[in-house]
């Protein structure tokens, strides 16, 4: 039987390390903390670009005193297909801007910009 000419016809397999890294891709995203329960150490967060909110645990290193309603937070998502699979890394940006600083319309509704970010005075 004649031997095949040219290169190998075998398709190379991805390395095990490559497969593991692909499966473990995580992403840090921004969000707005809608509420935080110190008793359960969980917060309700509206992720940037999302209409719905998700309930996520906060990291053990996060101080409950820094988790103020309407503050920006950083969130680590382990699986982008499942936004509930993540953890609140902590606040950042406009930390400490309380509800009194929110801009509201004449009906008392909180105003937001085109990105859905809450506007502060």
PDB file of N, CA and C in Angstrom:
ATOM      1  N   UNK A   1       0.849  -1.161   0.000  1.00  0.00           N
ATOM      2  CA  UNK A   1       0.000   0.000   0.000  1.00  0.00           C
ATOM      3  C   UNK A   1       0.898   1.228   0.000  1.00  0.00           C
ATOM      4  N   UNK A   2       0.623   2.206  -0.888  1.00  0.00           N
ATOM      5  CA  UNK A   2       1.494   3.377  -0.956  1.00  0.00           C
ATOM      6  C   UNK A   2       1.296   4.289   0.249  1.00  0.00           C
ATOM      7  N   UNK A   3       2.380   4.943   0.658  1.00  0.00           N
ATOM      8  CA  UNK A   3       2.325   5.893   1.769  1.00  0.00           C
ATOM      9  C   UNK A   3       1.772   7.226   1.256  1.00  0.00           C
ATOM     10  N   UNK A   4       0.982   7.924   2.108  1.00  0.00           N
ATOM     11  CA  UNK A   4       0.487   9.224   1.676  1.00  0.00           C
ATOM     12  C   UNK A   4       1.643  10.204   1.523  1.00  0.00           C
ATOM     13  N   UNK A   5       1.497  11.082   0.552  1.00  0.00           N
ATOM     14  CA  UNK A   5       2.533  12.094   0.341  1.00  0.00           C
ATOM     15  C   UNK A   5       2.092  13.398   0.977  1.00  0.00           C
ATOM     16  N   UNK A   6       3.028  14.258   1.264  1.00  0.00           N
ATOM     17  CA  UNK A   6       2.720  15.556   1.854  1.00  0.00           C
ATOM     18  C   UNK A   6       2.697  15.476   3.365  1.00  0.00           C
ATOM     19  N   UNK A   7       2.032  16.482   3.981  1.00  0.00           N
ATOM     20  CA  UNK A   7       1.983  16.595   5.441  1.00  0.00           C
ATOM     21  C   UNK A   7       1.025  15.612   6.066  1.00  0.00           C
ATOM     22  N   UNK A   8       1.005  15.639   7.353  1.00  0.00           N
ATOM     23  CA  UNK A   8       0.133  14.758   8.118  1.00  0.00           C
ATOM     24  C   UNK A   8      -1.326  15.163   7.915  1.00  0.00           C
ATOM     25  N   UNK A   9      -2.204  14.185   7.888  1.00  0.00           N
ATOM     26  CA  UNK A   9      -3.636  14.451   7.750  1.00  0.00           C
ATOM     27  C   UNK A   9      -4.317  14.496   9.113  1.00  0.00           C
ATOM     28  N   UNK A  10      -3.562  14.277  10.176  1.00  0.00           N
ATOM     29  CA  UNK A  10      -4.114  14.280  11.526  1.00  0.00           C
ATOM     30  C   UNK A  10      -4.387  15.709  11.986  1.00  0.00           C
ATOM     31  N   UNK A  11      -5.566  15.948  12.546  1.00  0.00           N
ATOM     32  CA  UNK A  11      -5.910  17.259  13.072  1.00  0.00           C
ATOM     33  C   UNK A  11      -5.326  17.387  14.468  1.00  0.00           C
ATOM     34  N   UNK A  12      -4.549  18.449  14.722  1.00  0.00           N
ATOM     35  CA  UNK A  12      -3.954  18.585  16.049  1.00  0.00           C
ATOM     36  C   UNK A  12      -5.017  18.857  17.113  1.00  0.00           C
ATOM     37  N   UNK A  13      -4.854  18.245  18.271  1.00  0.00           N
ATOM     38  CA  UNK A  13      -5.750  18.472  19.399  1.00  0.00           C
ATOM     39  C   UNK A  13      -5.291  19.703  20.161  1.00  0.00           C
ATOM     40  N   UNK A  14      -6.219  20.462  20.702  1.00  0.00           N
ATOM     41  CA  UNK A  14      -5.792  21.584  21.541  1.00  0.00           C
ATOM     42  C   UNK A  14      -5.132  21.037  22.803  1.00  0.00           C
ATOM     43  N   UNK A  15      -4.190  21.771  23.310  1.00  0.00           N
ATOM     44  CA  UNK A  15      -3.500  21.315  24.516  1.00  0.00           C
ATOM     45  C   UNK A  15      -4.464  21.329  25.697  1.00  0.00           C
ATOM     46  N   UNK A  16      -4.159  20.518  26.693  1.00  0.00           N
ATOM     47  CA  UNK A  16      -4.995  20.457  27.901  1.00  0.00           C
ATOM     48  C   UNK A  16      -5.033  21.814  28.592  1.00  0.00           C
ATOM     49  N   UNK A  17      -3.899  22.498  28.644  1.00  0.00           N
ATOM     50  CA  UNK A  17      -3.847  23.816  29.277  1.00  0.00           C
ATOM     51  C   UNK A  17      -4.741  24.802  28.540  1.00  0.00           C
ATOM     52  N   UNK A  18      -4.729  24.744  27.221  1.00  0.00           N
ATOM     53  CA  UNK A  18      -5.572  25.638  26.423  1.00  0.00           C
ATOM     54  C   UNK A  18      -7.046  25.373  26.701  1.00  0.00           C
ATOM     55  N   UNK A  19      -7.427  24.117  26.796  1.00  0.00           N
ATOM     56  CA  UNK A  19      -8.819  23.765  27.073  1.00  0.00           C
ATOM     57  C   UNK A  19      -9.235  24.241  28.459  1.00  0.00           C
ATOM     58  N   UNK A  20      -8.357  24.114  29.431  1.00  0.00           N
ATOM     59  CA  UNK A  20      -8.666  24.554  30.794  1.00  0.00           C
ATOM     60  C   UNK A  20      -8.820  26.066  30.826  1.00  0.00           C
ATOM     61  N   UNK A  21      -7.909  26.808  30.188  1.00  0.00           N
ATOM     62  CA  UNK A  21      -7.995  28.265  30.181  1.00  0.00           C
ATOM     63  C   UNK A  21      -9.257  28.742  29.479  1.00  0.00           C
ATOM     64  N   UNK A  22      -9.655  28.074  28.414  1.00  0.00           N
ATOM     65  CA  UNK A  22     -10.875  28.443  27.716  1.00  0.00           C
ATOM     66  C   UNK A  22     -12.081  28.242  28.623  1.00  0.00           C
ATOM     67  N   UNK A  23     -12.092  27.165  29.378  1.00  0.00           N
ATOM     68  CA  UNK A  23     -13.212  26.865  30.263  1.00  0.00           C
ATOM     69  C   UNK A  23     -13.255  27.809  31.461  1.00  0.00           C
ATOM     70  N   UNK A  24     -12.130  28.397  31.823  1.00  0.00           N
ATOM     71  CA  UNK A  24     -12.056  29.221  33.021  1.00  0.00           C
ATOM     72  C   UNK A  24     -12.005  30.715  32.740  1.00  0.00           C
ATOM     73  N   UNK A  25     -12.383  31.134  31.557  1.00  0.00           N
ATOM     74  CA  UNK A  25     -12.326  32.558  31.275  1.00  0.00           C
ATOM     75  C   UNK A  25     -13.344  33.286  32.128  1.00  0.00           C
ATOM     76  N   UNK A  26     -12.903  34.307  32.803  1.00  0.00           N
ATOM     77  CA  UNK A  26     -13.754  35.134  33.647  1.00  0.00           C
ATOM     78  C   UNK A  26     -13.583  36.572  33.194  1.00  0.00           C
ATOM     79  N   UNK A  27     -14.513  37.415  33.601  1.00  0.00           N
ATOM     80  CA  UNK A  27     -14.484  38.793  33.146  1.00  0.00           C
ATOM     81  C   UNK A  27     -14.935  39.705  34.278  1.00  0.00           C
ATOM     82  N   UNK A  28     -14.269  40.841  34.420  1.00  0.00           N
ATOM     83  CA  UNK A  28     -14.668  41.847  35.401  1.00  0.00           C
ATOM     84  C   UNK A  28     -15.551  42.859  34.683  1.00  0.00           C
ATOM     85  N   UNK A  29     -16.717  43.116  35.262  1.00  0.00           N
ATOM     86  CA  UNK A  29     -17.667  44.070  34.691  1.00  0.00           C
ATOM     87  C   UNK A  29     -18.083  45.081  35.754  1.00  0.00           C
ATOM     88  N   UNK A  30     -18.643  46.185  35.301  1.00  0.00           N
ATOM     89  CA  UNK A  30     -19.132  47.208  36.220  1.00  0.00           C
ATOM     90  C   UNK A  30     -20.627  47.040  36.426  1.00  0.00           C
ATOM     91  N   UNK A  31     -21.092  47.541  37.541  1.00  0.00           N
ATOM     92  CA  UNK A  31     -22.517  47.505  37.817  1.00  0.00           C
ATOM     93  C   UNK A  31     -22.891  48.557  38.834  1.00  0.00           C
ATOM     94  N   UNK A  32     -24.179  48.662  39.101  1.00  0.00           N
ATOM     95  CA  UNK A  32     -24.716  49.592  40.087  1.00  0.00           C
ATOM     96  C   UNK A  32     -25.350  48.783  41.193  1.00  0.00           C
ATOM     97  N   UNK A  33     -24.945  49.032  42.434  1.00  0.00           N
ATOM     98  CA  UNK A  33     -25.486  48.306  43.582  1.00  0.00           C
ATOM     99  C   UNK A  33     -26.870  48.861  43.910  1.00  0.00           C
ATOM    100  N   UNK A  34     -27.890  48.046  43.730  1.00  0.00           N
ATOM    101  CA  UNK A  34     -29.255  48.477  44.001  1.00  0.00           C
ATOM    102  C   UNK A  34     -29.617  48.302  45.469  1.00  0.00           C
ATOM    103  N   UNK A  35     -29.081  47.255  46.087  1.00  0.00           N
ATOM    104  CA  UNK A  35     -29.287  47.044  47.526  1.00  0.00           C
ATOM    105  C   UNK A  35     -28.243  46.050  48.027  1.00  0.00           C
ATOM    106  N   UNK A  36     -28.028  46.072  49.330  1.00  0.00           N
ATOM    107  CA  UNK A  36     -27.072  45.144  49.940  1.00  0.00           C
ATOM    108  C   UNK A  36     -27.606  44.712  51.291  1.00  0.00           C
ATOM    109  N   UNK A  37     -27.594  43.404  51.537  1.00  0.00           N
ATOM    110  CA  UNK A  37     -28.042  42.844  52.812  1.00  0.00           C
ATOM    111  C   UNK A  37     -26.824  42.343  53.577  1.00  0.00           C
ATOM    112  N   UNK A  38     -26.472  43.031  54.638  1.00  0.00           N
ATOM    113  CA  UNK A  38     -25.309  42.639  55.438  1.00  0.00           C
ATOM    114  C   UNK A  38     -25.526  41.281  56.094  1.00  0.00           C
ATOM    115  N   UNK A  39     -26.782  40.923  56.374  1.00  0.00           N
ATOM    116  CA  UNK A  39     -27.061  39.648  57.042  1.00  0.00           C
ATOM    117  C   UNK A  39     -26.721  38.449  56.161  1.00  0.00           C
ATOM    118  N   UNK A  40     -26.907  38.573  54.850  1.00  0.00           N
ATOM    119  CA  UNK A  40     -26.597  37.472  53.932  1.00  0.00           C
ATOM    120  C   UNK A  40     -25.317  37.725  53.145  1.00  0.00           C
ATOM    121  N   UNK A  41     -24.801  38.961  53.232  1.00  0.00           N
ATOM    122  CA  UNK A  41     -23.610  39.398  52.494  1.00  0.00           C
ATOM    123  C   UNK A  41     -23.814  39.268  50.993  1.00  0.00           C
ATOM    124  N   UNK A  42     -25.050  39.571  50.555  1.00  0.00           N
ATOM    125  CA  UNK A  42     -25.392  39.532  49.136  1.00  0.00           C
ATOM    126  C   UNK A  42     -25.938  40.881  48.704  1.00  0.00           C
ATOM    127  N   UNK A  43     -25.654  41.218  47.456  1.00  0.00           N
ATOM    128  CA  UNK A  43     -26.146  42.464  46.906  1.00  0.00           C
ATOM    129  C   UNK A  43     -26.908  42.232  45.625  1.00  0.00           C
ATOM    130  N   UNK A  44     -27.837  43.129  45.355  1.00  0.00           N
ATOM    131  CA  UNK A  44     -28.541  43.114  44.081  1.00  0.00           C
ATOM    132  C   UNK A  44     -27.855  44.154  43.205  1.00  0.00           C
ATOM    133  N   UNK A  45     -27.376  43.699  42.041  1.00  0.00           N
ATOM    134  CA  UNK A  45     -26.573  44.536  41.159  1.00  0.00           C
ATOM    135  C   UNK A  45     -27.187  44.564  39.763  1.00  0.00           C
ATOM    136  N   UNK A  46     -27.271  45.763  39.191  1.00  0.00           N
ATOM    137  CA  UNK A  46     -27.630  45.874  37.773  1.00  0.00           C
ATOM    138  C   UNK A  46     -26.333  46.055  37.021  1.00  0.00           C
ATOM    139  N   UNK A  47     -25.955  45.031  36.256  1.00  0.00           N
ATOM    140  CA  UNK A  47     -24.715  45.064  35.497  1.00  0.00           C
ATOM    141  C   UNK A  47     -24.835  46.058  34.350  1.00  0.00           C
ATOM    142  N   UNK A  48     -23.755  46.760  34.034  1.00  0.00           N
ATOM    143  CA  UNK A  48     -23.766  47.709  32.926  1.00  0.00           C
ATOM    144  C   UNK A  48     -24.203  47.004  31.653  1.00  0.00           C
ATOM    145  N   UNK A  49     -25.093  47.647  30.913  1.00  0.00           N
ATOM    146  CA  UNK A  49     -25.586  47.081  29.664  1.00  0.00           C
ATOM    147  C   UNK A  49     -26.717  46.095  29.843  1.00  0.00           C
ATOM    148  N   UNK A  50     -27.180  45.908  31.076  1.00  0.00           N
ATOM    149  CA  UNK A  50     -28.236  44.942  31.347  1.00  0.00           C
ATOM    150  C   UNK A  50     -29.452  45.652  31.919  1.00  0.00           C
ATOM    151  N   UNK A  51     -30.624  45.168  31.568  1.00  0.00           N
ATOM    152  CA  UNK A  51     -31.857  45.726  32.125  1.00  0.00           C
ATOM    153  C   UNK A  51     -32.174  45.056  33.457  1.00  0.00           C
ATOM    154  N   UNK A  52     -31.941  43.754  33.523  1.00  0.00           N
ATOM    155  CA  UNK A  52     -32.267  42.976  34.724  1.00  0.00           C
ATOM    156  C   UNK A  52     -31.171  43.106  35.774  1.00  0.00           C
ATOM    157  N   UNK A  53     -31.531  42.834  36.995  1.00  0.00           N
ATOM    158  CA  UNK A  53     -30.582  42.832  38.107  1.00  0.00           C
ATOM    159  C   UNK A  53     -30.307  41.394  38.533  1.00  0.00           C
ATOM    160  N   UNK A  54     -29.139  41.175  39.126  1.00  0.00           N
ATOM    161  CA  UNK A  54     -28.769  39.853  39.621  1.00  0.00           C
ATOM    162  C   UNK A  54     -28.404  39.958  41.100  1.00  0.00           C
ATOM    163  N   UNK A  55     -28.600  38.876  41.813  1.00  0.00           N
ATOM    164  CA  UNK A  55     -28.210  38.808  43.219  1.00  0.00           C
ATOM    165  C   UNK A  55     -26.905  38.038  43.304  1.00  0.00           C
ATOM    166  N   UNK A  56     -25.887  38.684  43.887  1.00  0.00           N
ATOM    167  CA  UNK A  56     -24.550  38.090  43.967  1.00  0.00           C
ATOM    168  C   UNK A  56     -23.983  38.217  45.370  1.00  0.00           C
ATOM    169  N   UNK A  57     -23.161  37.262  45.769  1.00  0.00           N
ATOM    170  CA  UNK A  57     -22.472  37.407  47.049  1.00  0.00           C
ATOM    171  C   UNK A  57     -21.341  38.428  46.910  1.00  0.00           C
ATOM    172  N   UNK A  58     -20.987  39.028  48.019  1.00  0.00           N
ATOM    173  CA  UNK A  58     -19.838  39.937  48.043  1.00  0.00           C
ATOM    174  C   UNK A  58     -18.637  39.168  48.577  1.00  0.00           C
ATOM    175  N   UNK A  59     -17.446  39.557  48.136  1.00  0.00           N
ATOM    176  CA  UNK A  59     -16.230  38.931  48.631  1.00  0.00           C
ATOM    177  C   UNK A  59     -16.071  39.154  50.130  1.00  0.00           C
ATOM    178  N   UNK A  60     -15.451  38.206  50.810  1.00  0.00           N
ATOM    179  CA  UNK A  60     -15.262  38.297  52.262  1.00  0.00           C
ATOM    180  C   UNK A  60     -14.439  39.507  52.669  1.00  0.00           C
ATOM    181  N   UNK A  61     -13.646  40.045  51.763  1.00  0.00           N
ATOM    182  CA  UNK A  61     -12.775  41.184  52.041  1.00  0.00           C
ATOM    183  C   UNK A  61     -13.513  42.512  51.963  1.00  0.00           C
ATOM    184  N   UNK A  62     -14.757  42.506  51.464  1.00  0.00           N
ATOM    185  CA  UNK A  62     -15.510  43.742  51.281  1.00  0.00           C
ATOM    186  C   UNK A  62     -16.126  44.173  52.608  1.00  0.00           C
ATOM    187  N   UNK A  63     -15.912  45.416  52.967  1.00  0.00           N
ATOM    188  CA  UNK A  63     -16.497  45.976  54.188  1.00  0.00           C
ATOM    189  C   UNK A  63     -17.956  46.337  53.927  1.00  0.00           C
ATOM    190  N   UNK A  64     -18.845  45.922  54.817  1.00  0.00           N
ATOM    191  CA  UNK A  64     -20.263  46.240  54.626  1.00  0.00           C
ATOM    192  C   UNK A  64     -20.493  47.746  54.652  1.00  0.00           C
ATOM    193  N   UNK A  65     -19.656  48.482  55.341  1.00  0.00           N
ATOM    194  CA  UNK A  65     -19.809  49.939  55.407  1.00  0.00           C
ATOM    195  C   UNK A  65     -19.582  50.604  54.052  1.00  0.00           C
ATOM    196  N   UNK A  66     -18.856  49.942  53.161  1.00  0.00           N
ATOM    197  CA  UNK A  66     -18.584  50.535  51.846  1.00  0.00           C
ATOM    198  C   UNK A  66     -19.629  50.171  50.810  1.00  0.00           C
ATOM    199  N   UNK A  67     -20.557  49.305  51.147  1.00  0.00           N
ATOM    200  CA  UNK A  67     -21.564  48.854  50.193  1.00  0.00           C
ATOM    201  C   UNK A  67     -22.821  49.707  50.324  1.00  0.00           C
ATOM    202  N   UNK A  68     -22.787  50.861  49.689  1.00  0.00           N
ATOM    203  CA  UNK A  68     -23.883  51.812  49.761  1.00  0.00           C
ATOM    204  C   UNK A  68     -24.771  51.710  48.520  1.00  0.00           C
ATOM    205  N   UNK A  69     -26.074  51.796  48.719  1.00  0.00           N
ATOM    206  CA  UNK A  69     -27.029  51.751  47.618  1.00  0.00           C
ATOM    207  C   UNK A  69     -26.692  52.817  46.580  1.00  0.00           C
ATOM    208  N   UNK A  70     -26.766  52.436  45.316  1.00  0.00           N
ATOM    209  CA  UNK A  70     -26.517  53.271  44.142  1.00  0.00           C
ATOM    210  C   UNK A  70     -25.047  53.515  43.850  1.00  0.00           C
ATOM    211  N   UNK A  71     -24.144  52.935  44.617  1.00  0.00           N
ATOM    212  CA  UNK A  71     -22.714  53.056  44.308  1.00  0.00           C
ATOM    213  C   UNK A  71     -22.351  52.123  43.163  1.00  0.00           C
ATOM    214  N   UNK A  72     -21.287  52.462  42.446  1.00  0.00           N
ATOM    215  CA  UNK A  72     -20.742  51.608  41.394  1.00  0.00           C
ATOM    216  C   UNK A  72     -19.968  50.485  42.064  1.00  0.00           C
ATOM    217  N   UNK A  73     -20.032  49.287  41.485  1.00  0.00           N
ATOM    218  CA  UNK A  73     -19.286  48.146  42.005  1.00  0.00           C
ATOM    219  C   UNK A  73     -18.610  47.410  40.852  1.00  0.00           C
ATOM    220  N   UNK A  74     -17.532  46.725  41.184  1.00  0.00           N
ATOM    221  CA  UNK A  74     -16.862  45.839  40.240  1.00  0.00           C
ATOM    222  C   UNK A  74     -17.339  44.424  40.539  1.00  0.00           C
ATOM    223  N   UNK A  75     -17.654  43.680  39.485  1.00  0.00           N
ATOM    224  CA  UNK A  75     -18.174  42.318  39.627  1.00  0.00           C
ATOM    225  C   UNK A  75     -17.325  41.383  38.781  1.00  0.00           C
ATOM    226  N   UNK A  76     -16.953  40.264  39.358  1.00  0.00           N
ATOM    227  CA  UNK A  76     -16.242  39.220  38.616  1.00  0.00           C
ATOM    228  C   UNK A  76     -17.260  38.177  38.195  1.00  0.00           C
ATOM    229  N   UNK A  77     -17.432  38.021  36.862  1.00  0.00           N
ATOM    230  CA  UNK A  77     -18.336  36.996  36.321  1.00  0.00           C
ATOM    231  C   UNK A  77     -17.503  35.805  35.877  1.00  0.00           C
ATOM    232  N   UNK A  78     -17.840  34.641  36.383  1.00  0.00           N
ATOM    233  CA  UNK A  78     -17.112  33.425  36.030  1.00  0.00           C
ATOM    234  C   UNK A  78     -17.609  32.834  34.727  1.00  0.00           C
ATOM    235  N   UNK A  79     -18.895  33.067  34.411  1.00  0.00           N
ATOM    236  CA  UNK A  79     -19.499  32.499  33.221  1.00  0.00           C
ATOM    237  C   UNK A  79     -20.419  33.546  32.628  1.00  0.00           C
ATOM    238  N   UNK A  80     -20.048  34.105  31.479  1.00  0.00           N
ATOM    239  CA  UNK A  80     -20.847  35.176  30.879  1.00  0.00           C
ATOM    240  C   UNK A  80     -22.250  34.720  30.504  1.00  0.00           C
ATOM    241  N   UNK A  81     -22.427  33.442  30.255  1.00  0.00           N
ATOM    242  CA  UNK A  81     -23.751  32.919  29.916  1.00  0.00           C
ATOM    243  C   UNK A  81     -24.660  32.851  31.140  1.00  0.00           C
ATOM    244  N   UNK A  82     -24.085  32.923  32.334  1.00  0.00           N
ATOM    245  CA  UNK A  82     -24.851  32.855  33.580  1.00  0.00           C
ATOM    246  C   UNK A  82     -24.438  34.016  34.479  1.00  0.00           C
ATOM    247  N   UNK A  83     -25.111  35.187  34.368  1.00  0.00           N
ATOM    248  CA  UNK A  83     -24.701  36.347  35.151  1.00  0.00           C
ATOM    249  C   UNK A  83     -24.858  36.170  36.655  1.00  0.00           C
ATOM    250  N   UNK A  84     -25.583  35.125  37.095  1.00  0.00           N
ATOM    251  CA  UNK A  84     -25.697  34.860  38.528  1.00  0.00           C
ATOM    252  C   UNK A  84     -24.455  34.157  39.076  1.00  0.00           C
ATOM    253  N   UNK A  85     -23.542  33.759  38.188  1.00  0.00           N
ATOM    254  CA  UNK A  85     -22.324  33.051  38.578  1.00  0.00           C
ATOM    255  C   UNK A  85     -21.188  34.063  38.690  1.00  0.00           C
ATOM    256  N   UNK A  86     -21.173  34.795  39.783  1.00  0.00           N
ATOM    257  CA  UNK A  86     -20.152  35.818  39.966  1.00  0.00           C
ATOM    258  C   UNK A  86     -20.042  36.232  41.413  1.00  0.00           C
ATOM    259  N   UNK A  87     -19.227  37.260  41.641  1.00  0.00           N
ATOM    260  CA  UNK A  87     -19.013  37.773  42.991  1.00  0.00           C
ATOM    261  C   UNK A  87     -18.737  39.271  42.911  1.00  0.00           C
ATOM    262  N   UNK A  88     -19.252  40.008  43.878  1.00  0.00           N
ATOM    263  CA  UNK A  88     -18.995  41.443  43.956  1.00  0.00           C
ATOM    264  C   UNK A  88     -17.601  41.631  44.535  1.00  0.00           C
ATOM    265  N   UNK A  89     -16.727  42.281  43.763  1.00  0.00           N
ATOM    266  CA  UNK A  89     -15.353  42.513  44.217  1.00  0.00           C
ATOM    267  C   UNK A  89     -15.263  43.695  45.163  1.00  0.00           C
ATOM    268  N   UNK A  90     -16.151  44.654  45.014  1.00  0.00           N
ATOM    269  CA  UNK A  90     -16.162  45.818  45.887  1.00  0.00           C
ATOM    270  C   UNK A  90     -16.566  47.062  45.133  1.00  0.00           C
ATOM    271  N   UNK A  91     -16.732  48.159  45.860  1.00  0.00           N
ATOM    272  CA  UNK A  91     -17.130  49.412  45.236  1.00  0.00           C
ATOM    273  C   UNK A  91     -15.944  50.106  44.579  1.00  0.00           C
ATOM    274  N   UNK A  92     -16.245  51.012  43.665  1.00  0.00           N
ATOM    275  CA  UNK A  92     -15.217  51.852  43.056  1.00  0.00           C
ATOM    276  C   UNK A  92     -15.896  53.067  42.441  1.00  0.00           C
ATOM    277  N   UNK A  93     -15.105  54.016  42.024  1.00  0.00           N
ATOM    278  CA  UNK A  93     -15.648  55.189  41.340  1.00  0.00           C
ATOM    279  C   UNK A  93     -16.300  56.152  42.293  1.00  0.00           C
ATOM    280  N   UNK A  94     -17.616  56.363  42.099  1.00  0.00           N
ATOM    281  CA  UNK A  94     -18.321  57.370  42.886  1.00  0.00           C
ATOM    282  C   UNK A  94     -18.780  56.817  44.239  1.00  0.00           C
ATOM    283  N   UNK A  95     -17.893  56.147  44.942  1.00  0.00           N
ATOM    284  CA  UNK A  95     -18.206  55.529  46.228  1.00  0.00           C
ATOM    285  C   UNK A  95     -18.669  56.589  47.217  1.00  0.00           C
ATOM    286  N   UNK A  96     -19.735  56.278  47.911  1.00  0.00           N
ATOM    287  CA  UNK A  96     -20.218  57.164  48.954  1.00  0.00           C
ATOM    288  C   UNK A  96     -21.261  58.157  48.484  1.00  0.00           C
ATOM    289  N   UNK A  97     -21.607  58.150  47.214  1.00  0.00           N
ATOM    290  CA  UNK A  97     -22.652  59.048  46.739  1.00  0.00           C
ATOM    291  C   UNK A  97     -23.983  58.485  47.210  1.00  0.00           C
ATOM    292  N   UNK A  98     -24.560  59.135  48.173  1.00  0.00           N
ATOM    293  CA  UNK A  98     -25.788  58.613  48.759  1.00  0.00           C
ATOM    294  C   UNK A  98     -27.013  58.957  47.955  1.00  0.00           C
ATOM    295  N   UNK A  99     -28.145  58.433  48.385  1.00  0.00           N
ATOM    296  CA  UNK A  99     -29.399  58.632  47.669  1.00  0.00           C
ATOM    297  C   UNK A  99     -29.772  60.104  47.584  1.00  0.00           C
ATOM    298  N   UNK A 100     -29.319  60.925  48.538  1.00  0.00           N
ATOM    299  CA  UNK A 100     -29.641  62.350  48.515  1.00  0.00           C
ATOM    300  C   UNK A 100     -29.002  63.035  47.314  1.00  0.00           C
ATOM    301  N   UNK A 101     -27.967  62.453  46.732  1.00  0.00           N
ATOM    302  CA  UNK A 101     -27.274  63.058  45.609  1.00  0.00           C
ATOM    303  C   UNK A 101     -27.845  62.638  44.263  1.00  0.00           C
ATOM    304  N   UNK A 102     -28.872  61.784  44.262  1.00  0.00           N
ATOM    305  CA  UNK A 102     -29.448  61.315  43.009  1.00  0.00           C
ATOM    306  C   UNK A 102     -30.266  62.411  42.343  1.00  0.00           C
ATOM    307  N   UNK A 103     -30.192  62.477  41.005  1.00  0.00           N
ATOM    308  CA  UNK A 103     -31.040  63.401  40.256  1.00  0.00           C
ATOM    309  C   UNK A 103     -32.365  62.709  39.978  1.00  0.00           C
ATOM    310  N   UNK A 104     -33.460  63.393  40.225  1.00  0.00           N
ATOM    311  CA  UNK A 104     -34.773  62.818  39.982  1.00  0.00           C
ATOM    312  C   UNK A 104     -35.598  63.771  39.129  1.00  0.00           C
ATOM    313  N   UNK A 105     -36.618  63.212  38.470  1.00  0.00           N
ATOM    314  CA  UNK A 105     -37.524  64.067  37.702  1.00  0.00           C
ATOM    315  C   UNK A 105     -38.658  64.527  38.611  1.00  0.00           C
ATOM    316  N   UNK A 106     -39.632  65.212  38.049  1.00  0.00           N
ATOM    317  CA  UNK A 106     -40.715  65.771  38.859  1.00  0.00           C
ATOM    318  C   UNK A 106     -41.591  64.700  39.504  1.00  0.00           C
ATOM    319  N   UNK A 107     -41.548  63.464  38.984  1.00  0.00           N
ATOM    320  CA  UNK A 107     -42.311  62.367  39.578  1.00  0.00           C
ATOM    321  C   UNK A 107     -41.537  61.648  40.673  1.00  0.00           C
ATOM    322  N   UNK A 108     -40.283  62.050  40.888  1.00  0.00           N
ATOM    323  CA  UNK A 108     -39.449  61.390  41.886  1.00  0.00           C
ATOM    324  C   UNK A 108     -38.695  60.189  41.347  1.00  0.00           C
ATOM    325  N   UNK A 109     -38.807  59.930  40.023  1.00  0.00           N
ATOM    326  CA  UNK A 109     -38.083  58.813  39.412  1.00  0.00           C
ATOM    327  C   UNK A 109     -36.613  59.187  39.238  1.00  0.00           C
ATOM    328  N   UNK A 110     -35.742  58.242  39.522  1.00  0.00           N
ATOM    329  CA  UNK A 110     -34.302  58.466  39.384  1.00  0.00           C
ATOM    330  C   UNK A 110     -33.947  58.564  37.905  1.00  0.00           C
ATOM    331  N   UNK A 111     -33.160  59.576  37.545  1.00  0.00           N
ATOM    332  CA  UNK A 111     -32.755  59.771  36.157  1.00  0.00           C
ATOM    333  C   UNK A 111     -31.492  58.985  35.860  1.00  0.00           C
ATOM    334  N   UNK A 112     -31.388  58.522  34.615  1.00  0.00           N
ATOM    335  CA  UNK A 112     -30.179  57.816  34.184  1.00  0.00           C
ATOM    336  C   UNK A 112     -29.799  58.290  32.799  1.00  0.00           C
ATOM    337  N   UNK A 113     -28.535  58.060  32.440  1.00  0.00           N
ATOM    338  CA  UNK A 113     -28.058  58.458  31.117  1.00  0.00           C
ATOM    339  C   UNK A 113     -28.360  57.371  30.099  1.00  0.00           C
ATOM    340  N   UNK A 114     -27.877  57.553  28.859  1.00  0.00           N
ATOM    341  CA  UNK A 114     -28.149  56.601  27.777  1.00  0.00           C
ATOM    342  C   UNK A 114     -27.609  55.213  28.062  1.00  0.00           C
ATOM    343  N   UNK A 115     -26.572  55.102  28.920  1.00  0.00           N
ATOM    344  CA  UNK A 115     -25.989  53.804  29.270  1.00  0.00           C
ATOM    345  C   UNK A 115     -26.742  53.148  30.427  1.00  0.00           C
ATOM    346  N   UNK A 116     -27.706  53.840  30.997  1.00  0.00           N
ATOM    347  CA  UNK A 116     -28.422  53.293  32.131  1.00  0.00           C
ATOM    348  C   UNK A 116     -27.788  53.625  33.466  1.00  0.00           C
ATOM    349  N   UNK A 117     -26.706  54.416  33.444  1.00  0.00           N
ATOM    350  CA  UNK A 117     -26.052  54.796  34.688  1.00  0.00           C
ATOM    351  C   UNK A 117     -26.883  55.854  35.399  1.00  0.00           C
ATOM    352  N   UNK A 118     -27.076  55.691  36.694  1.00  0.00           N
ATOM    353  CA  UNK A 118     -27.827  56.645  37.494  1.00  0.00           C
ATOM    354  C   UNK A 118     -27.050  57.951  37.533  1.00  0.00           C
ATOM    355  N   UNK A 119     -27.781  59.069  37.399  1.00  0.00           N
ATOM    356  CA  UNK A 119     -27.152  60.386  37.400  1.00  0.00           C
ATOM    357  C   UNK A 119     -27.140  60.970  38.803  1.00  0.00           C
ATOM    358  N   UNK A 120     -26.017  61.560  39.166  1.00  0.00           N
ATOM    359  CA  UNK A 120     -25.849  62.179  40.469  1.00  0.00           C
ATOM    360  C   UNK A 120     -25.696  63.681  40.301  1.00  0.00           C
ATOM    361  N   UNK A 121     -26.110  64.427  41.307  1.00  0.00           N
ATOM    362  CA  UNK A 121     -25.980  65.890  41.280  1.00  0.00           C
ATOM    363  C   UNK A 121     -24.527  66.288  41.477  1.00  0.00           C
TER     364      UNK A 121
END
